[in-house]
């Protein structure tokens, strides 16, 4: 009999206790090594955290902060910052690093774009990050839902800058172009890992498809900021990470994030090792030397961590480059 893992709500309906990762039940257990001191974070307890949690529940929204088990949730939610996850709470892919629920999704919620926009306005966000699950079951991969969410935010919170973190829209002709044309302030798509590890870490994705997506943003709208992120600790080498940096620069990506992979459950991909803060600092220095306008590299760096402050720095860096 298979062992059920992580019976936390699947993310679609209250009280739903389906396993979040049915496809991982038959995998062998991977022991998770003890976290070093620089990885540990405090449990969230602040008033701001609970106010954010209550608003998310009231509007029946999903956040990647909760669904992916982000270690920074206490810090971000205490400041009323949240990364909204649209297209429902169940992903059609089964990446071995990810803690978002997988399976067959339900129909799209037509009120989701308006609810995300309302929450953005209620929280007074100056910069909002919107991501999603993969929806390979939809003809457009969820592109129209992204477009409608961006439009709704522009109406409800016209002064708020918008950052999107999208799927790869693999085999969805015209989908990425529609989202690019909606003109978010930042178009983010994470490569996640080095090409050699895609088969085991991102089996449903293709490295060069992700690169082409990022390149197509710049080809279609050169003024739009682009961003991508990597995890380390999955068995990659430093040379492989540096090669990914070079590939991203060929695609004219502006902003690179690099963080430590943390294993969600014993059925997920094993941690190969913990990179030290000094190693992250070295990667940051090299990335700036390769020409990125903005780099965030640390053990707890995540794509949307400090996104608002980082966006301000990104704009300032572009301006300084233009003036120089």
Protein backbone atom coordinates (compact mmCIF):
# COMPACT_ATOMS: atom_id res chain seq x y z
CA UNK A 1 0.00 0.00 0.00
CA UNK A 2 1.52 3.37 -0.96
CA UNK A 3 2.36 5.86 1.74
CA UNK A 4 0.42 9.10 1.41
CA UNK A 5 2.61 12.15 1.75
CA UNK A 6 1.72 15.65 2.85
CA UNK A 7 -2.06 15.58 3.24
CA UNK A 8 -2.23 19.37 3.61
CA UNK A 9 -5.16 20.77 1.62
CA UNK A 10 -4.60 20.31 -2.08
CA UNK A 11 -5.45 23.95 -2.58
CA UNK A 12 -8.76 23.74 -4.44
CA UNK A 13 -11.42 23.48 -1.76
CA UNK A 14 -11.55 23.82 2.06
CA UNK A 15 -11.29 20.44 3.73
CA UNK A 16 -9.82 18.78 0.63
CA UNK A 17 -7.43 16.16 2.02
CA UNK A 18 -6.30 14.51 -1.20
CA UNK A 19 -2.55 13.90 -1.23
CA UNK A 20 -0.74 16.89 -2.69
CA UNK A 21 1.70 14.70 -4.60
CA UNK A 22 0.05 11.39 -5.63
CA UNK A 23 2.63 10.87 -8.38
CA UNK A 24 5.47 10.94 -5.84
CA UNK A 25 4.08 8.28 -3.47
CA UNK A 26 6.01 5.45 -5.08
CA UNK A 27 9.34 7.23 -5.04
CA UNK A 28 12.05 6.18 -2.58
CA UNK A 29 12.55 8.33 0.50
CA UNK A 30 15.30 10.94 0.40
CA UNK A 31 16.68 11.89 3.78
CA UNK A 32 16.89 15.64 4.33
CA UNK A 33 20.16 16.79 5.93
CA UNK A 34 20.13 19.04 8.96
CA UNK A 35 19.85 22.69 7.96
CA UNK A 36 22.83 24.93 8.75
CA UNK A 37 22.34 27.95 10.98
CA UNK A 38 22.13 30.38 8.04
CA UNK A 39 19.00 28.62 6.70
CA UNK A 40 16.78 28.70 9.77
CA UNK A 41 13.87 31.14 10.05
CA UNK A 42 11.42 32.00 12.83
CA UNK A 43 7.84 30.78 12.85
CA UNK A 44 5.36 33.49 11.76
CA UNK A 45 3.40 35.05 14.62
CA UNK A 46 2.93 38.77 13.84
CA UNK A 47 -0.38 40.63 13.52
CA UNK A 48 0.45 41.57 9.92
CA UNK A 49 0.99 37.90 9.08
CA UNK A 50 -2.44 36.93 10.40
CA UNK A 51 -4.15 39.89 8.69
CA UNK A 52 -2.65 38.85 5.34
CA UNK A 53 -3.67 35.25 5.95
CA UNK A 54 -7.23 36.28 6.76
CA UNK A 55 -7.57 38.39 3.59
CA UNK A 56 -6.24 35.56 1.41
CA UNK A 57 -8.75 33.16 2.99
CA UNK A 58 -11.64 35.61 2.68
CA UNK A 59 -11.08 36.05 -1.06
CA UNK A 60 -10.33 32.33 -1.63
CA UNK A 61 -6.99 33.17 -3.17
CA UNK A 62 -3.92 30.98 -3.50
CA UNK A 63 -0.41 32.20 -2.74
CA UNK A 64 2.86 30.58 -3.71
CA UNK A 65 4.04 31.61 -0.24
CA UNK A 66 1.85 28.89 1.30
CA UNK A 67 1.54 26.39 -1.52
CA UNK A 68 5.28 26.13 -2.17
CA UNK A 69 6.21 26.32 1.53
CA UNK A 70 8.34 29.45 1.16
CA UNK A 71 10.69 29.96 4.15
CA UNK A 72 10.19 33.74 3.96
CA UNK A 73 6.42 33.71 4.50
CA UNK A 74 6.63 35.07 8.04
CA UNK A 75 8.76 38.04 7.02
CA UNK A 76 6.77 38.87 3.87
CA UNK A 77 3.27 38.41 5.25
CA UNK A 78 4.11 40.41 8.39
CA UNK A 79 4.75 43.31 5.99
CA UNK A 80 1.52 42.50 4.09
CA UNK A 81 3.43 41.31 1.03
CA UNK A 82 2.15 38.22 -0.75
CA UNK A 83 2.75 36.52 -4.09
CA UNK A 84 -0.60 35.61 -5.59
CA UNK A 85 -0.89 32.30 -7.43
CA UNK A 86 -3.57 32.23 -10.11
CA UNK A 87 -5.12 29.48 -12.28
CA UNK A 88 -6.15 27.50 -9.20
CA UNK A 89 -4.09 25.57 -6.70
CA UNK A 90 -3.30 22.34 -8.58
CA UNK A 91 -0.49 22.05 -11.11
CA UNK A 92 -0.56 19.72 -14.11
CA UNK A 93 3.18 19.01 -13.83
CA UNK A 94 5.15 17.14 -11.20
CA UNK A 95 8.53 18.85 -10.82
CA UNK A 96 10.52 16.96 -8.22
CA UNK A 97 11.58 20.11 -6.31
CA UNK A 98 8.15 21.71 -5.97
CA UNK A 99 5.62 21.48 -3.13
CA UNK A 100 2.63 22.84 -5.06
CA UNK A 101 -0.17 20.25 -5.30
CA UNK A 102 -0.29 18.21 -8.51
CA UNK A 103 -3.12 16.45 -10.27
CA UNK A 104 -6.19 17.29 -12.35
CA UNK A 105 -7.20 20.93 -11.79
CA UNK A 106 -10.74 22.23 -11.50
CA UNK A 107 -12.25 24.84 -13.80
CA UNK A 108 -10.84 28.35 -13.65
CA UNK A 109 -12.45 30.76 -11.17
CA UNK A 110 -13.76 33.69 -13.25
CA UNK A 111 -13.62 35.94 -10.16
CA UNK A 112 -9.94 35.26 -9.49
CA UNK A 113 -8.51 38.22 -11.49
CA UNK A 114 -10.87 40.67 -9.75
CA UNK A 115 -10.14 39.17 -6.32
CA UNK A 116 -6.38 39.43 -6.86
CA UNK A 117 -6.85 43.06 -7.90
CA UNK A 118 -9.03 43.78 -4.86
CA UNK A 119 -6.48 42.21 -2.51
CA UNK A 120 -3.70 44.24 -4.14
CA UNK A 121 -5.61 47.45 -3.49
CA UNK A 122 -6.68 46.47 0.04
CA UNK A 123 -3.11 45.60 1.02
CA UNK A 124 -1.81 48.85 -0.45
CA UNK A 125 0.83 47.05 -2.48
CA UNK A 126 3.15 49.31 -4.45
CA UNK A 127 4.51 46.29 -6.32
CA UNK A 128 2.61 43.03 -6.76
CA UNK A 129 3.87 39.64 -7.90
CA UNK A 130 1.48 37.25 -9.67
CA UNK A 131 2.53 33.70 -10.47
CA UNK A 132 0.60 30.54 -11.34
CA UNK A 133 0.55 26.80 -11.51
CA UNK A 134 1.20 25.13 -14.87
CA UNK A 135 -2.05 24.52 -16.74
CA UNK A 136 -1.12 22.27 -19.65
CA UNK A 137 -4.80 21.28 -19.83
CA UNK A 138 -5.82 24.73 -21.11
CA UNK A 139 -5.52 25.64 -24.79
CA UNK A 140 -3.63 28.83 -23.93
CA UNK A 141 -1.86 27.55 -20.81
CA UNK A 142 -3.67 30.20 -18.78
CA UNK A 143 -2.42 33.19 -20.79
CA UNK A 144 -5.82 34.89 -20.96
CA UNK A 145 -6.16 34.61 -17.17
CA UNK A 146 -2.82 36.39 -16.76
CA UNK A 147 -3.96 39.13 -19.16
CA UNK A 148 -7.24 39.63 -17.30
CA UNK A 149 -5.47 39.69 -13.92
CA UNK A 150 -3.01 42.35 -15.11
CA UNK A 151 -5.88 44.44 -16.51
CA UNK A 152 -7.89 44.12 -13.28
CA UNK A 153 -4.95 45.23 -11.15
CA UNK A 154 -4.41 48.25 -13.40
CA UNK A 155 -7.99 49.34 -12.73
CA UNK A 156 -8.08 48.62 -8.98
CA UNK A 157 -4.55 49.82 -8.17
CA UNK A 158 -3.28 51.99 -11.05
CA UNK A 159 -0.13 53.08 -9.22
CA UNK A 160 0.96 49.51 -8.44
CA UNK A 161 3.74 48.04 -10.57
CA UNK A 162 3.14 44.46 -11.72
CA UNK A 163 5.57 41.55 -11.84
CA UNK A 164 4.48 38.23 -13.30
CA UNK A 165 6.18 34.84 -12.86
CA UNK A 166 4.84 32.67 -15.64
CA UNK A 167 4.87 29.06 -16.80
CA UNK A 168 6.74 28.29 -20.03
CA UNK A 169 3.54 28.06 -22.17
CA UNK A 170 5.09 24.98 -23.80
CA UNK A 171 3.21 23.97 -26.98
CA UNK A 172 0.75 26.88 -26.61
CA UNK A 173 1.18 28.95 -29.82
CA UNK A 174 0.57 32.66 -29.34
CA UNK A 175 0.07 32.39 -25.57
CA UNK A 176 3.31 34.05 -24.44
CA UNK A 177 2.83 36.87 -26.94
CA UNK A 178 -0.55 37.75 -25.43
CA UNK A 179 0.96 38.00 -21.96
CA UNK A 180 3.95 40.04 -23.16
CA UNK A 181 1.55 42.45 -24.90
CA UNK A 182 -0.29 42.99 -21.60
CA UNK A 183 2.89 44.88 -20.65
CA UNK A 184 3.67 43.84 -17.08
CA UNK A 185 6.51 45.84 -15.55
CA UNK A 186 8.57 42.69 -14.97
CA UNK A 187 8.27 39.41 -16.89
CA UNK A 188 9.80 36.61 -14.82
CA UNK A 189 10.24 32.99 -15.83
CA UNK A 190 12.53 30.77 -13.77
CA UNK A 191 14.98 28.35 -15.38
CA UNK A 192 15.21 26.73 -11.91
CA UNK A 193 18.25 24.53 -12.58
CA UNK A 194 21.02 23.66 -15.05
CA UNK A 195 20.23 21.82 -18.33
CA UNK A 196 21.79 18.52 -17.19
CA UNK A 197 19.27 18.20 -14.33
CA UNK A 198 16.10 19.04 -16.24
CA UNK A 199 15.13 15.40 -16.84
CA UNK A 200 14.98 14.67 -13.10
CA UNK A 201 14.09 18.10 -11.68
CA UNK A 202 11.82 19.67 -14.34
CA UNK A 203 10.71 16.68 -16.43
CA UNK A 204 7.79 18.51 -18.05
CA UNK A 205 9.87 21.50 -19.11
CA UNK A 206 12.56 22.16 -21.71
CA UNK A 207 15.58 24.32 -20.91
CA UNK A 208 15.82 25.96 -24.32
CA UNK A 209 12.07 26.60 -24.47
CA UNK A 210 12.42 28.59 -21.24
CA UNK A 211 15.37 30.51 -22.66
CA UNK A 212 13.43 31.25 -25.85
CA UNK A 213 10.50 32.55 -23.81
CA UNK A 214 12.74 35.03 -21.98
CA UNK A 215 14.42 36.06 -25.22
CA UNK A 216 11.04 36.56 -26.92
CA UNK A 217 10.03 39.10 -24.27
CA UNK A 218 12.99 41.30 -25.16
CA UNK A 219 12.49 40.75 -28.89
CA UNK A 220 8.85 41.83 -28.66
CA UNK A 221 9.18 44.58 -26.03
CA UNK A 222 12.81 45.66 -25.38
CA UNK A 223 11.76 48.02 -22.57
CA UNK A 224 10.12 45.28 -20.50
CA UNK A 225 12.28 44.06 -17.62
CA UNK A 226 13.01 40.32 -17.64
CA UNK A 227 13.97 38.17 -14.71
CA UNK A 228 14.86 34.54 -14.03
CA UNK A 229 15.84 32.41 -11.05
CA UNK A 230 17.96 29.39 -10.18
CA UNK A 231 18.11 26.98 -7.26
CA UNK A 232 21.41 25.49 -6.15
CA UNK A 233 22.00 22.43 -4.01
CA UNK A 234 20.58 19.86 -6.44
CA UNK A 235 23.90 18.52 -7.69
CA UNK A 236 24.87 21.23 -10.16
CA UNK A 237 28.48 22.40 -10.49
CA UNK A 238 29.65 25.99 -10.27
CA UNK A 239 30.72 25.89 -13.93
CA UNK A 240 27.21 24.81 -14.93
CA UNK A 241 25.70 27.71 -12.98
CA UNK A 242 28.06 30.13 -14.72
CA UNK A 243 27.06 28.72 -18.11
CA UNK A 244 23.39 29.35 -17.28
CA UNK A 245 24.31 32.94 -16.43
CA UNK A 246 25.90 33.29 -19.87
CA UNK A 247 22.82 31.82 -21.55
CA UNK A 248 20.58 34.28 -19.72
CA UNK A 249 22.76 37.21 -20.72
CA UNK A 250 22.56 36.13 -24.38
CA UNK A 251 18.78 36.41 -23.91
CA UNK A 252 19.31 39.90 -22.41
CA UNK A 253 17.77 38.98 -19.06
CA UNK A 254 18.07 41.89 -16.62
CA UNK A 255 17.61 40.34 -13.19
CA UNK A 256 18.91 37.04 -11.78
CA UNK A 257 17.95 35.42 -8.47
CA UNK A 258 19.81 32.46 -6.96
CA UNK A 259 18.69 30.65 -3.82
CA UNK A 260 19.26 27.41 -1.92
CA UNK A 261 16.99 24.46 -2.72
CA UNK A 262 15.14 23.19 0.35
CA UNK A 263 13.54 19.75 0.22
CA UNK A 264 9.77 19.97 0.92
CA UNK A 265 9.23 16.28 1.86
CA UNK A 266 11.19 13.04 1.89
CA UNK A 267 9.62 12.16 -1.49
CA UNK A 268 11.03 15.22 -3.23
CA UNK A 269 14.44 15.60 -4.85
CA UNK A 270 17.29 15.16 -2.39
CA UNK A 271 19.50 18.05 -1.28
CA UNK A 272 22.99 17.47 -2.63
CA UNK A 273 24.57 20.11 -0.42
CA UNK A 274 24.06 23.51 1.18
CA UNK A 275 25.94 26.32 -0.56
CA UNK A 276 27.49 28.74 1.93
CA UNK A 277 26.71 32.48 2.16
CA UNK A 278 30.24 33.13 0.90
CA UNK A 279 29.60 31.03 -2.20
CA UNK A 280 26.38 32.92 -2.87
CA UNK A 281 28.25 36.21 -2.56
CA UNK A 282 30.80 34.98 -5.10
CA UNK A 283 28.02 34.04 -7.53
CA UNK A 284 26.49 37.49 -7.10
CA UNK A 285 29.81 39.18 -7.87
CA UNK A 286 30.32 37.07 -11.00
CA UNK A 287 26.75 37.69 -12.19
CA UNK A 288 27.17 41.46 -11.94
CA UNK A 289 30.44 41.16 -13.84
CA UNK A 290 28.58 39.31 -16.61
CA UNK A 291 26.25 42.27 -17.07
CA UNK A 292 23.05 41.65 -15.10
CA UNK A 293 21.44 44.90 -13.96
CA UNK A 294 20.24 43.31 -10.73
CA UNK A 295 21.30 40.19 -8.82
CA UNK A 296 19.94 38.66 -5.63
CA UNK A 297 21.91 35.63 -4.43
CA UNK A 298 21.65 34.24 -0.90
CA UNK A 299 20.54 31.02 0.80
CA UNK A 300 16.99 32.33 1.37
CA UNK A 301 16.60 34.26 -1.89
CA UNK A 302 13.36 33.47 -3.67
CA UNK A 303 11.93 34.99 -6.87
CA UNK A 304 9.50 37.33 -5.14
CA UNK A 305 11.41 38.01 -1.91
CA UNK A 306 11.87 41.80 -1.56
CA UNK A 307 10.48 42.12 -5.09
CA UNK A 308 9.27 45.70 -4.61
CA UNK A 309 12.57 47.00 -3.27
CA UNK A 310 14.46 45.06 -5.92
CA UNK A 311 12.29 46.52 -8.68
CA UNK A 312 13.16 50.04 -7.54
CA UNK A 313 16.85 49.14 -7.64
CA UNK A 314 16.41 47.53 -11.05
CA UNK A 315 14.91 50.72 -12.51
CA UNK A 316 17.68 52.79 -10.96
CA UNK A 317 20.31 50.49 -12.45
CA UNK A 318 18.83 50.82 -15.94
CA UNK A 319 18.74 54.60 -15.60
CA UNK A 320 22.35 54.71 -14.41
CA UNK A 321 23.39 52.51 -17.32
CA UNK A 322 21.61 54.79 -19.80
CA UNK A 323 23.19 57.89 -18.33
CA UNK A 324 26.64 56.27 -18.23
